[in-house]
Amino acid sequence: MSMNGRMKTRGAERKKTRILGTVKYFNQTVEGRVTDLSAKGLALDLGGRVFHAADGSPVKVESDELGILEGTVKWRRSGRLGVQFNVNSNAVAQVSSYFRFFHKDVPAGLAR
């Protein structure tokens, strides 16, 4: 639920993951772990590392499993970062391929 009492709906189903990757913003590169992944975006746990990028900043997320995904910062809180993929990128195809060939469901207690 959102703060105004309405149900929040997501544009795409999210899956729990434990993919290691890096997020890049200009000269800044920070390692993290993708904890949620959908065709429209991801959540990245930065493990307490500092990352200086404001909401709306363009970033790249790179990992062995997903390749390079381009997007924008949607939110930052509690050491985590939300990234929405650019609509003109190959992100949908790359994420679909990951789910088809590599993804194994992560039990809820192990996702963080």
PDB file of N, CA and C in Angstrom:
ATOM      1  N   MET A   1       0.834  -1.180   0.000  1.00  0.00           N
ATOM      2  CA  MET A   1       0.000   0.000   0.000  1.00  0.00           C
ATOM      3  C   MET A   1       0.878   1.242   0.000  1.00  0.00           C
ATOM      4  N   SER A   2       0.401   2.279  -0.636  1.00  0.00           N
ATOM      5  CA  SER A   2       1.139   3.534  -0.624  1.00  0.00           C
ATOM      6  C   SER A   2       0.748   4.337   0.597  1.00  0.00           C
ATOM      7  N   MET A   3       1.395   5.489   0.779  1.00  0.00           N
ATOM      8  CA  MET A   3       1.136   6.299   1.968  1.00  0.00           C
ATOM      9  C   MET A   3      -0.269   6.870   1.964  1.00  0.00           C
ATOM     10  N   ASN A   4      -0.911   7.008   0.790  1.00  0.00           N
ATOM     11  CA  ASN A   4      -2.255   7.576   0.768  1.00  0.00           C
ATOM     12  C   ASN A   4      -3.334   6.503   0.915  1.00  0.00           C
ATOM     13  N   GLY A   5      -2.924   5.245   1.187  1.00  0.00           N
ATOM     14  CA  GLY A   5      -3.882   4.186   1.431  1.00  0.00           C
ATOM     15  C   GLY A   5      -4.300   3.413   0.189  1.00  0.00           C
ATOM     16  N   ARG A   6      -3.887   3.833  -0.982  1.00  0.00           N
ATOM     17  CA  ARG A   6      -4.217   3.114  -2.211  1.00  0.00           C
ATOM     18  C   ARG A   6      -3.233   1.984  -2.433  1.00  0.00           C
ATOM     19  N   MET A   7      -3.689   0.967  -3.125  1.00  0.00           N
ATOM     20  CA  MET A   7      -2.810  -0.151  -3.461  1.00  0.00           C
ATOM     21  C   MET A   7      -1.828   0.297  -4.529  1.00  0.00           C
ATOM     22  N   LYS A   8      -0.557  -0.053  -4.332  1.00  0.00           N
ATOM     23  CA  LYS A   8       0.457   0.224  -5.341  1.00  0.00           C
ATOM     24  C   LYS A   8       0.446  -0.904  -6.355  1.00  0.00           C
ATOM     25  N   THR A   9       0.498  -0.567  -7.623  1.00  0.00           N
ATOM     26  CA  THR A   9       0.602  -1.599  -8.644  1.00  0.00           C
ATOM     27  C   THR A   9       1.872  -1.371  -9.427  1.00  0.00           C
ATOM     28  N   ARG A  10       2.517  -2.442  -9.786  1.00  0.00           N
ATOM     29  CA  ARG A  10       3.745  -2.363 -10.558  1.00  0.00           C
ATOM     30  C   ARG A  10       3.407  -2.654 -12.008  1.00  0.00           C
ATOM     31  N   GLY A  11       4.215  -2.086 -12.890  1.00  0.00           N
ATOM     32  CA  GLY A  11       4.001  -2.295 -14.310  1.00  0.00           C
ATOM     33  C   GLY A  11       4.447  -3.661 -14.788  1.00  0.00           C
ATOM     34  N   ALA A  12       5.278  -4.358 -14.011  1.00  0.00           N
ATOM     35  CA  ALA A  12       5.783  -5.669 -14.410  1.00  0.00           C
ATOM     36  C   ALA A  12       6.066  -6.502 -13.175  1.00  0.00           C
ATOM     37  N   GLU A  13       5.876  -7.812 -13.305  1.00  0.00           N
ATOM     38  CA  GLU A  13       6.132  -8.719 -12.191  1.00  0.00           C
ATOM     39  C   GLU A  13       7.613  -8.724 -11.842  1.00  0.00           C
ATOM     40  N   ARG A  14       7.904  -8.630 -10.540  1.00  0.00           N
ATOM     41  CA  ARG A  14       9.284  -8.648 -10.071  1.00  0.00           C
ATOM     42  C   ARG A  14       9.631 -10.029  -9.545  1.00  0.00           C
ATOM     43  N   LYS A  15      10.881 -10.422  -9.786  1.00  0.00           N
ATOM     44  CA  LYS A  15      11.398 -11.691  -9.278  1.00  0.00           C
ATOM     45  C   LYS A  15      12.572 -11.391  -8.363  1.00  0.00           C
ATOM     46  N   LYS A  16      12.701 -12.167  -7.302  1.00  0.00           N
ATOM     47  CA  LYS A  16      13.845 -12.046  -6.395  1.00  0.00           C
ATOM     48  C   LYS A  16      15.064 -12.671  -7.068  1.00  0.00           C
ATOM     49  N   THR A  17      16.203 -11.995  -6.972  1.00  0.00           N
ATOM     50  CA  THR A  17      17.444 -12.500  -7.547  1.00  0.00           C
ATOM     51  C   THR A  17      18.598 -12.233  -6.591  1.00  0.00           C
ATOM     52  N   ARG A  18      19.754 -12.794  -6.919  1.00  0.00           N
ATOM     53  CA  ARG A  18      20.988 -12.518  -6.172  1.00  0.00           C
ATOM     54  C   ARG A  18      22.122 -12.374  -7.177  1.00  0.00           C
ATOM     55  N   ILE A  19      21.970 -11.480  -8.105  1.00  0.00           N
ATOM     56  CA  ILE A  19      22.940 -11.280  -9.179  1.00  0.00           C
ATOM     57  C   ILE A  19      23.942 -10.212  -8.760  1.00  0.00           C
ATOM     58  N   LEU A  20      25.237 -10.533  -8.852  1.00  0.00           N
ATOM     59  CA  LEU A  20      26.262  -9.542  -8.566  1.00  0.00           C
ATOM     60  C   LEU A  20      26.447  -8.648  -9.784  1.00  0.00           C
ATOM     61  N   GLY A  21      26.647  -7.362  -9.534  1.00  0.00           N
ATOM     62  CA  GLY A  21      26.845  -6.433 -10.631  1.00  0.00           C
ATOM     63  C   GLY A  21      27.417  -5.119 -10.148  1.00  0.00           C
ATOM     64  N   THR A  22      27.608  -4.203 -11.089  1.00  0.00           N
ATOM     65  CA  THR A  22      28.084  -2.869 -10.749  1.00  0.00           C
ATOM     66  C   THR A  22      27.153  -1.845 -11.372  1.00  0.00           C
ATOM     67  N   VAL A  23      27.034  -0.725 -10.687  1.00  0.00           N
ATOM     68  CA  VAL A  23      26.269   0.386 -11.225  1.00  0.00           C
ATOM     69  C   VAL A  23      27.264   1.507 -11.501  1.00  0.00           C
ATOM     70  N   LYS A  24      27.104   2.138 -12.665  1.00  0.00           N
ATOM     71  CA  LYS A  24      28.037   3.188 -13.081  1.00  0.00           C
ATOM     72  C   LYS A  24      27.291   4.488 -13.339  1.00  0.00           C
ATOM     73  N   TYR A  25      27.915   5.571 -12.869  1.00  0.00           N
ATOM     74  CA  TYR A  25      27.389   6.922 -13.074  1.00  0.00           C
ATOM     75  C   TYR A  25      28.595   7.835 -13.270  1.00  0.00           C
ATOM     76  N   PHE A  26      28.797   8.312 -14.475  1.00  0.00           N
ATOM     77  CA  PHE A  26      29.993   9.069 -14.853  1.00  0.00           C
ATOM     78  C   PHE A  26      31.242   8.284 -14.451  1.00  0.00           C
ATOM     79  N   ASN A  27      32.157   8.829 -13.611  1.00  0.00           N
ATOM     80  CA  ASN A  27      33.391   8.107 -13.232  1.00  0.00           C
ATOM     81  C   ASN A  27      33.165   7.191 -12.043  1.00  0.00           C
ATOM     82  N   GLN A  28      31.978   7.143 -11.500  1.00  0.00           N
ATOM     83  CA  GLN A  28      31.693   6.402 -10.284  1.00  0.00           C
ATOM     84  C   GLN A  28      31.238   4.975 -10.606  1.00  0.00           C
ATOM     85  N   THR A  29      31.852   3.997  -9.980  1.00  0.00           N
ATOM     86  CA  THR A  29      31.442   2.599 -10.141  1.00  0.00           C
ATOM     87  C   THR A  29      31.318   1.984  -8.757  1.00  0.00           C
ATOM     88  N   VAL A  30      30.152   1.385  -8.482  1.00  0.00           N
ATOM     89  CA  VAL A  30      29.907   0.777  -7.176  1.00  0.00           C
ATOM     90  C   VAL A  30      29.377  -0.638  -7.388  1.00  0.00           C
ATOM     91  N   GLU A  31      29.955  -1.578  -6.661  1.00  0.00           N
ATOM     92  CA  GLU A  31      29.489  -2.963  -6.724  1.00  0.00           C
ATOM     93  C   GLU A  31      28.268  -3.135  -5.857  1.00  0.00           C
ATOM     94  N   GLY A  32      27.380  -4.032  -6.291  1.00  0.00           N
ATOM     95  CA  GLY A  32      26.174  -4.315  -5.530  1.00  0.00           C
ATOM     96  C   GLY A  32      25.583  -5.642  -5.943  1.00  0.00           C
ATOM     97  N   ARG A  33      24.370  -5.874  -5.476  1.00  0.00           N
ATOM     98  CA  ARG A  33      23.673  -7.122  -5.774  1.00  0.00           C
ATOM     99  C   ARG A  33      22.252  -6.790  -6.206  1.00  0.00           C
ATOM    100  N   VAL A  34      21.844  -7.256  -7.375  1.00  0.00           N
ATOM    101  CA  VAL A  34      20.476  -7.077  -7.861  1.00  0.00           C
ATOM    102  C   VAL A  34      19.595  -8.001  -7.035  1.00  0.00           C
ATOM    103  N   THR A  35      18.636  -7.421  -6.304  1.00  0.00           N
ATOM    104  CA  THR A  35      17.770  -8.218  -5.439  1.00  0.00           C
ATOM    105  C   THR A  35      16.384  -8.420  -6.014  1.00  0.00           C
ATOM    106  N   ASP A  36      15.913  -7.499  -6.840  1.00  0.00           N
ATOM    107  CA  ASP A  36      14.623  -7.591  -7.530  1.00  0.00           C
ATOM    108  C   ASP A  36      14.860  -7.253  -8.984  1.00  0.00           C
ATOM    109  N   LEU A  37      14.170  -7.983  -9.880  1.00  0.00           N
ATOM    110  CA  LEU A  37      14.358  -7.764 -11.304  1.00  0.00           C
ATOM    111  C   LEU A  37      13.044  -7.952 -12.031  1.00  0.00           C
ATOM    112  N   SER A  38      12.742  -7.030 -12.933  1.00  0.00           N
ATOM    113  CA  SER A  38      11.569  -7.155 -13.797  1.00  0.00           C
ATOM    114  C   SER A  38      11.954  -6.666 -15.185  1.00  0.00           C
ATOM    115  N   ALA A  39      11.019  -6.749 -16.108  1.00  0.00           N
ATOM    116  CA  ALA A  39      11.276  -6.266 -17.467  1.00  0.00           C
ATOM    117  C   ALA A  39      11.401  -4.750 -17.516  1.00  0.00           C
ATOM    118  N   LYS A  40      10.969  -4.055 -16.461  1.00  0.00           N
ATOM    119  CA  LYS A  40      10.997  -2.588 -16.459  1.00  0.00           C
ATOM    120  C   LYS A  40      12.071  -1.986 -15.572  1.00  0.00           C
ATOM    121  N   GLY A  41      12.653  -2.781 -14.666  1.00  0.00           N
ATOM    122  CA  GLY A  41      13.650  -2.208 -13.773  1.00  0.00           C
ATOM    123  C   GLY A  41      14.196  -3.212 -12.787  1.00  0.00           C
ATOM    124  N   LEU A  42      14.984  -2.675 -11.855  1.00  0.00           N
ATOM    125  CA  LEU A  42      15.609  -3.535 -10.851  1.00  0.00           C
ATOM    126  C   LEU A  42      15.866  -2.756  -9.581  1.00  0.00           C
ATOM    127  N   ALA A  43      16.096  -3.506  -8.511  1.00  0.00           N
ATOM    128  CA  ALA A  43      16.540  -2.934  -7.243  1.00  0.00           C
ATOM    129  C   ALA A  43      17.920  -3.490  -6.972  1.00  0.00           C
ATOM    130  N   LEU A  44      18.825  -2.622  -6.575  1.00  0.00           N
ATOM    131  CA  LEU A  44      20.216  -2.998  -6.349  1.00  0.00           C
ATOM    132  C   LEU A  44      20.579  -2.676  -4.910  1.00  0.00           C
ATOM    133  N   ASP A  45      21.042  -3.692  -4.172  1.00  0.00           N
ATOM    134  CA  ASP A  45      21.511  -3.495  -2.801  1.00  0.00           C
ATOM    135  C   ASP A  45      22.995  -3.156  -2.881  1.00  0.00           C
ATOM    136  N   LEU A  46      23.368  -1.979  -2.388  1.00  0.00           N
ATOM    137  CA  LEU A  46      24.747  -1.508  -2.490  1.00  0.00           C
ATOM    138  C   LEU A  46      25.601  -1.915  -1.298  1.00  0.00           C
ATOM    139  N   GLY A  47      25.031  -2.637  -0.354  1.00  0.00           N
ATOM    140  CA  GLY A  47      25.807  -3.132   0.779  1.00  0.00           C
ATOM    141  C   GLY A  47      26.458  -2.037   1.595  1.00  0.00           C
ATOM    142  N   GLY A  48      25.812  -0.897   1.710  1.00  0.00           N
ATOM    143  CA  GLY A  48      26.341   0.201   2.512  1.00  0.00           C
ATOM    144  C   GLY A  48      27.321   1.098   1.783  1.00  0.00           C
ATOM    145  N   ARG A  49      27.636   0.773   0.533  1.00  0.00           N
ATOM    146  CA  ARG A  49      28.565   1.618  -0.237  1.00  0.00           C
ATOM    147  C   ARG A  49      27.874   2.911  -0.655  1.00  0.00           C
ATOM    148  N   VAL A  50      28.641   3.984  -0.708  1.00  0.00           N
ATOM    149  CA  VAL A  50      28.109   5.296  -1.076  1.00  0.00           C
ATOM    150  C   VAL A  50      28.030   5.412  -2.597  1.00  0.00           C
ATOM    151  N   PHE A  51      26.891   5.906  -3.084  1.00  0.00           N
ATOM    152  CA  PHE A  51      26.695   6.115  -4.517  1.00  0.00           C
ATOM    153  C   PHE A  51      26.009   7.457  -4.691  1.00  0.00           C
ATOM    154  N   HIS A  52      26.686   8.390  -5.358  1.00  0.00           N
ATOM    155  CA  HIS A  52      26.175   9.752  -5.512  1.00  0.00           C
ATOM    156  C   HIS A  52      25.528   9.932  -6.875  1.00  0.00           C
ATOM    157  N   ALA A  53      24.235   9.675  -6.945  1.00  0.00           N
ATOM    158  CA  ALA A  53      23.457   9.928  -8.159  1.00  0.00           C
ATOM    159  C   ALA A  53      22.040  10.267  -7.716  1.00  0.00           C
ATOM    160  N   ALA A  54      21.546  11.391  -8.153  1.00  0.00           N
ATOM    161  CA  ALA A  54      20.201  11.840  -7.782  1.00  0.00           C
ATOM    162  C   ALA A  54      19.146  11.085  -8.575  1.00  0.00           C
ATOM    163  N   ASP A  55      17.924  11.104  -8.080  1.00  0.00           N
ATOM    164  CA  ASP A  55      16.809  10.534  -8.831  1.00  0.00           C
ATOM    165  C   ASP A  55      16.776  11.173 -10.215  1.00  0.00           C
ATOM    166  N   GLY A  56      16.569  10.353 -11.233  1.00  0.00           N
ATOM    167  CA  GLY A  56      16.541  10.840 -12.607  1.00  0.00           C
ATOM    168  C   GLY A  56      17.893  10.778 -13.309  1.00  0.00           C
ATOM    169  N   SER A  57      18.954  10.440 -12.574  1.00  0.00           N
ATOM    170  CA  SER A  57      20.289  10.349 -13.163  1.00  0.00           C
ATOM    171  C   SER A  57      20.402   9.116 -14.059  1.00  0.00           C
ATOM    172  N   PRO A  58      21.074   9.246 -15.201  1.00  0.00           N
ATOM    173  CA  PRO A  58      21.278   8.080 -16.073  1.00  0.00           C
ATOM    174  C   PRO A  58      22.381   7.186 -15.512  1.00  0.00           C
ATOM    175  N   VAL A  59      22.127   5.881 -15.449  1.00  0.00           N
ATOM    176  CA  VAL A  59      23.109   4.927 -14.940  1.00  0.00           C
ATOM    177  C   VAL A  59      23.172   3.714 -15.858  1.00  0.00           C
ATOM    178  N   LYS A  60      24.262   2.953 -15.695  1.00  0.00           N
ATOM    179  CA  LYS A  60      24.407   1.657 -16.363  1.00  0.00           C
ATOM    180  C   LYS A  60      24.636   0.619 -15.283  1.00  0.00           C
ATOM    181  N   VAL A  61      23.951  -0.503 -15.409  1.00  0.00           N
ATOM    182  CA  VAL A  61      24.165  -1.625 -14.497  1.00  0.00           C
ATOM    183  C   VAL A  61      24.754  -2.751 -15.330  1.00  0.00           C
ATOM    184  N   GLU A  62      25.898  -3.280 -14.881  1.00  0.00           N
ATOM    185  CA  GLU A  62      26.588  -4.340 -15.614  1.00  0.00           C
ATOM    186  C   GLU A  62      26.710  -5.577 -14.750  1.00  0.00           C
ATOM    187  N   SER A  63      26.440  -6.735 -15.354  1.00  0.00           N
ATOM    188  CA  SER A  63      26.649  -8.012 -14.677  1.00  0.00           C
ATOM    189  C   SER A  63      26.919  -9.082 -15.721  1.00  0.00           C
ATOM    190  N   ASP A  64      27.533 -10.166 -15.278  1.00  0.00           N
ATOM    191  CA  ASP A  64      27.800 -11.272 -16.194  1.00  0.00           C
ATOM    192  C   ASP A  64      26.500 -11.875 -16.716  1.00  0.00           C
ATOM    193  N   GLU A  65      25.506 -12.014 -15.853  1.00  0.00           N
ATOM    194  CA  GLU A  65      24.243 -12.654 -16.233  1.00  0.00           C
ATOM    195  C   GLU A  65      23.363 -11.780 -17.122  1.00  0.00           C
ATOM    196  N   LEU A  66      23.390 -10.465 -16.919  1.00  0.00           N
ATOM    197  CA  LEU A  66      22.465  -9.574 -17.622  1.00  0.00           C
ATOM    198  C   LEU A  66      23.111  -8.735 -18.712  1.00  0.00           C
ATOM    199  N   GLY A  67      24.411  -8.627 -18.704  1.00  0.00           N
ATOM    200  CA  GLY A  67      25.078  -7.741 -19.650  1.00  0.00           C
ATOM    201  C   GLY A  67      25.024  -6.312 -19.137  1.00  0.00           C
ATOM    202  N   ILE A  68      24.877  -5.354 -20.044  1.00  0.00           N
ATOM    203  CA  ILE A  68      24.807  -3.937 -19.679  1.00  0.00           C
ATOM    204  C   ILE A  68      23.372  -3.462 -19.855  1.00  0.00           C
ATOM    205  N   LEU A  69      22.804  -2.927 -18.778  1.00  0.00           N
ATOM    206  CA  LEU A  69      21.440  -2.394 -18.789  1.00  0.00           C
ATOM    207  C   LEU A  69      21.504  -0.898 -18.512  1.00  0.00           C
ATOM    208  N   GLU A  70      20.871  -0.110 -19.355  1.00  0.00           N
ATOM    209  CA  GLU A  70      20.850   1.336 -19.163  1.00  0.00           C
ATOM    210  C   GLU A  70      19.507   1.752 -18.588  1.00  0.00           C
ATOM    211  N   GLY A  71      19.555   2.730 -17.677  1.00  0.00           N
ATOM    212  CA  GLY A  71      18.320   3.198 -17.073  1.00  0.00           C
ATOM    213  C   GLY A  71      18.529   4.488 -16.315  1.00  0.00           C
ATOM    214  N   THR A  72      17.531   4.830 -15.502  1.00  0.00           N
ATOM    215  CA  THR A  72      17.598   6.034 -14.674  1.00  0.00           C
ATOM    216  C   THR A  72      17.278   5.661 -13.222  1.00  0.00           C
ATOM    217  N   VAL A  73      17.896   6.393 -12.315  1.00  0.00           N
ATOM    218  CA  VAL A  73      17.635   6.190 -10.891  1.00  0.00           C
ATOM    219  C   VAL A  73      16.208   6.648 -10.591  1.00  0.00           C
ATOM    220  N   LYS A  74      15.407   5.746 -10.017  1.00  0.00           N
ATOM    221  CA  LYS A  74      14.026   6.081  -9.637  1.00  0.00           C
ATOM    222  C   LYS A  74      13.903   6.386  -8.153  1.00  0.00           C
ATOM    223  N   TRP A  75      14.695   5.709  -7.329  1.00  0.00           N
ATOM    224  CA  TRP A  75      14.650   5.941  -5.886  1.00  0.00           C
ATOM    225  C   TRP A  75      15.945   5.458  -5.246  1.00  0.00           C
ATOM    226  N   ARG A  76      16.213   5.982  -4.044  1.00  0.00           N
ATOM    227  CA  ARG A  76      17.364   5.590  -3.225  1.00  0.00           C
ATOM    228  C   ARG A  76      16.904   5.577  -1.780  1.00  0.00           C
ATOM    229  N   ARG A  77      17.107   4.437  -1.105  1.00  0.00           N
ATOM    230  CA  ARG A  77      16.771   4.384   0.319  1.00  0.00           C
ATOM    231  C   ARG A  77      17.403   3.175   0.985  1.00  0.00           C
ATOM    232  N   SER A  78      17.820   3.359   2.208  1.00  0.00           N
ATOM    233  CA  SER A  78      18.369   2.279   3.039  1.00  0.00           C
ATOM    234  C   SER A  78      19.448   1.468   2.328  1.00  0.00           C
ATOM    235  N   GLY A  79      20.360   2.138   1.638  1.00  0.00           N
ATOM    236  CA  GLY A  79      21.452   1.441   0.978  1.00  0.00           C
ATOM    237  C   GLY A  79      21.058   0.698  -0.282  1.00  0.00           C
ATOM    238  N   ARG A  80      19.859   0.991  -0.795  1.00  0.00           N
ATOM    239  CA  ARG A  80      19.375   0.344  -2.011  1.00  0.00           C
ATOM    240  C   ARG A  80      19.095   1.403  -3.064  1.00  0.00           C
ATOM    241  N   LEU A  81      19.059   0.951  -4.311  1.00  0.00           N
ATOM    242  CA  LEU A  81      18.877   1.843  -5.445  1.00  0.00           C
ATOM    243  C   LEU A  81      17.883   1.207  -6.400  1.00  0.00           C
ATOM    244  N   GLY A  82      16.874   1.973  -6.822  1.00  0.00           N
ATOM    245  CA  GLY A  82      15.911   1.496  -7.809  1.00  0.00           C
ATOM    246  C   GLY A  82      16.233   2.099  -9.161  1.00  0.00           C
ATOM    247  N   VAL A  83      16.289   1.255 -10.198  1.00  0.00           N
ATOM    248  CA  VAL A  83      16.621   1.708 -11.544  1.00  0.00           C
ATOM    249  C   VAL A  83      15.495   1.311 -12.494  1.00  0.00           C
ATOM    250  N   GLN A  84      15.018   2.270 -13.263  1.00  0.00           N
ATOM    251  CA  GLN A  84      14.025   1.997 -14.302  1.00  0.00           C
ATOM    252  C   GLN A  84      14.765   1.959 -15.635  1.00  0.00           C
ATOM    253  N   PHE A  85      14.560   0.870 -16.403  1.00  0.00           N
ATOM    254  CA  PHE A  85      15.252   0.727 -17.672  1.00  0.00           C
ATOM    255  C   PHE A  85      14.756   1.742 -18.689  1.00  0.00           C
ATOM    256  N   ASN A  86      15.654   2.167 -19.573  1.00  0.00           N
ATOM    257  CA  ASN A  86      15.272   3.041 -20.677  1.00  0.00           C
ATOM    258  C   ASN A  86      14.415   2.247 -21.652  1.00  0.00           C
ATOM    259  N   VAL A  87      13.341   2.854 -22.139  1.00  0.00           N
ATOM    260  CA  VAL A  87      12.432   2.141 -23.035  1.00  0.00           C
ATOM    261  C   VAL A  87      13.071   1.836 -24.384  1.00  0.00           C
ATOM    262  N   ASN A  88      14.082   2.584 -24.776  1.00  0.00           N
ATOM    263  CA  ASN A  88      14.713   2.352 -26.074  1.00  0.00           C
ATOM    264  C   ASN A  88      15.936   1.443 -25.988  1.00  0.00           C
ATOM    265  N   SER A  89      16.119   0.766 -24.852  1.00  0.00           N
ATOM    266  CA  SER A  89      17.282  -0.109 -24.689  1.00  0.00           C
ATOM    267  C   SER A  89      16.892  -1.562 -24.962  1.00  0.00           C
ATOM    268  N   ASN A  90      17.856  -2.439 -24.938  1.00  0.00           N
ATOM    269  CA  ASN A  90      17.618  -3.872 -25.114  1.00  0.00           C
ATOM    270  C   ASN A  90      17.305  -4.561 -23.800  1.00  0.00           C
ATOM    271  N   ALA A  91      16.989  -3.815 -22.772  1.00  0.00           N
ATOM    272  CA  ALA A  91      16.806  -4.374 -21.437  1.00  0.00           C
ATOM    273  C   ALA A  91      15.739  -5.462 -21.400  1.00  0.00           C
ATOM    274  N   VAL A  92      14.610  -5.266 -22.050  1.00  0.00           N
ATOM    275  CA  VAL A  92      13.533  -6.260 -22.008  1.00  0.00           C
ATOM    276  C   VAL A  92      14.022  -7.592 -22.567  1.00  0.00           C
ATOM    277  N   ALA A  93      14.716  -7.562 -23.692  1.00  0.00           N
ATOM    278  CA  ALA A  93      15.232  -8.796 -24.295  1.00  0.00           C
ATOM    279  C   ALA A  93      16.280  -9.445 -23.397  1.00  0.00           C
ATOM    280  N   GLN A  94      17.165  -8.640 -22.808  1.00  0.00           N
ATOM    281  CA  GLN A  94      18.214  -9.182 -21.948  1.00  0.00           C
ATOM    282  C   GLN A  94      17.632  -9.815 -20.691  1.00  0.00           C
ATOM    283  N   VAL A  95      16.647  -9.147 -20.067  1.00  0.00           N
ATOM    284  CA  VAL A  95      16.025  -9.681 -18.853  1.00  0.00           C
ATOM    285  C   VAL A  95      15.228 -10.930 -19.189  1.00  0.00           C
ATOM    286  N   SER A  96      14.494 -10.925 -20.296  1.00  0.00           N
ATOM    287  CA  SER A  96      13.732 -12.108 -20.711  1.00  0.00           C
ATOM    288  C   SER A  96      14.659 -13.297 -20.929  1.00  0.00           C
ATOM    289  N   SER A  97      15.792 -13.061 -21.557  1.00  0.00           N
ATOM    290  CA  SER A  97      16.768 -14.120 -21.795  1.00  0.00           C
ATOM    291  C   SER A  97      17.308 -14.661 -20.481  1.00  0.00           C
ATOM    292  N   TYR A  98      17.593 -13.779 -19.527  1.00  0.00           N
ATOM    293  CA  TYR A  98      18.075 -14.212 -18.216  1.00  0.00           C
ATOM    294  C   TYR A  98      17.047 -15.131 -17.553  1.00  0.00           C
ATOM    295  N   PHE A  99      15.763 -14.713 -17.555  1.00  0.00           N
ATOM    296  CA  PHE A  99      14.730 -15.524 -16.914  1.00  0.00           C
ATOM    297  C   PHE A  99      14.561 -16.864 -17.637  1.00  0.00           C
ATOM    298  N   ARG A 100      14.677 -16.880 -18.939  1.00  0.00           N
ATOM    299  CA  ARG A 100      14.493 -18.101 -19.717  1.00  0.00           C
ATOM    300  C   ARG A 100      15.624 -19.102 -19.478  1.00  0.00           C
ATOM    301  N   PHE A 101      16.865 -18.637 -19.394  1.00  0.00           N
ATOM    302  CA  PHE A 101      17.996 -19.549 -19.370  1.00  0.00           C
ATOM    303  C   PHE A 101      18.726 -19.696 -18.033  1.00  0.00           C
ATOM    304  N   PHE A 102      18.671 -18.695 -17.168  1.00  0.00           N
ATOM    305  CA  PHE A 102      19.525 -18.715 -15.981  1.00  0.00           C
ATOM    306  C   PHE A 102      18.806 -18.652 -14.641  1.00  0.00           C
ATOM    307  N   HIS A 103      17.664 -17.976 -14.562  1.00  0.00           N
ATOM    308  CA  HIS A 103      17.040 -17.677 -13.269  1.00  0.00           C
ATOM    309  C   HIS A 103      16.583 -18.930 -12.532  1.00  0.00           C
ATOM    310  N   LYS A 104      16.902 -18.971 -11.230  1.00  0.00           N
ATOM    311  CA  LYS A 104      16.361 -19.963 -10.320  1.00  0.00           C
ATOM    312  C   LYS A 104      15.714 -19.158  -9.205  1.00  0.00           C
ATOM    313  N   ASP A 105      14.461 -19.524  -8.831  1.00  0.00           N
ATOM    314  CA  ASP A 105      13.771 -18.776  -7.790  1.00  0.00           C
ATOM    315  C   ASP A 105      14.573 -18.752  -6.512  1.00  0.00           C
ATOM    316  N   VAL A 106      14.589 -17.592  -5.866  1.00  0.00           N
ATOM    317  CA  VAL A 106      15.287 -17.405  -4.606  1.00  0.00           C
ATOM    318  C   VAL A 106      14.257 -17.456  -3.495  1.00  0.00           C
ATOM    319  N   PRO A 107      14.432 -18.326  -2.499  1.00  0.00           N
ATOM    320  CA  PRO A 107      13.491 -18.362  -1.383  1.00  0.00           C
ATOM    321  C   PRO A 107      13.415 -16.984  -0.719  1.00  0.00           C
ATOM    322  N   ALA A 108      12.233 -16.582  -0.296  1.00  0.00           N
ATOM    323  CA  ALA A 108      11.981 -15.245   0.250  1.00  0.00           C
ATOM    324  C   ALA A 108      12.967 -14.855   1.349  1.00  0.00           C
ATOM    325  N   GLY A 109      13.328 -15.754   2.229  1.00  0.00           N
ATOM    326  CA  GLY A 109      14.233 -15.438   3.335  1.00  0.00           C
ATOM    327  C   GLY A 109      15.673 -15.200   2.907  1.00  0.00           C
ATOM    328  N   LEU A 110      16.054 -15.641   1.724  1.00  0.00           N
ATOM    329  CA  LEU A 110      17.428 -15.512   1.270  1.00  0.00           C
ATOM    330  C   LEU A 110      17.619 -14.351   0.305  1.00  0.00           C
ATOM    331  N   ALA A 111      16.562 -13.663  -0.073  1.00  0.00           N
ATOM    332  CA  ALA A 111      16.640 -12.627  -1.105  1.00  0.00           C
ATOM    333  C   ALA A 111      17.495 -11.443  -0.695  1.00  0.00           C
ATOM    334  N   ARG A 112      17.560 -11.068   0.543  1.00  0.00           N
ATOM    335  CA  ARG A 112      18.321  -9.892   0.968  1.00  0.00           C
ATOM    336  C   ARG A 112      19.693 -10.209   1.295  1.00  0.00           C
TER     337      ARG A 112
END
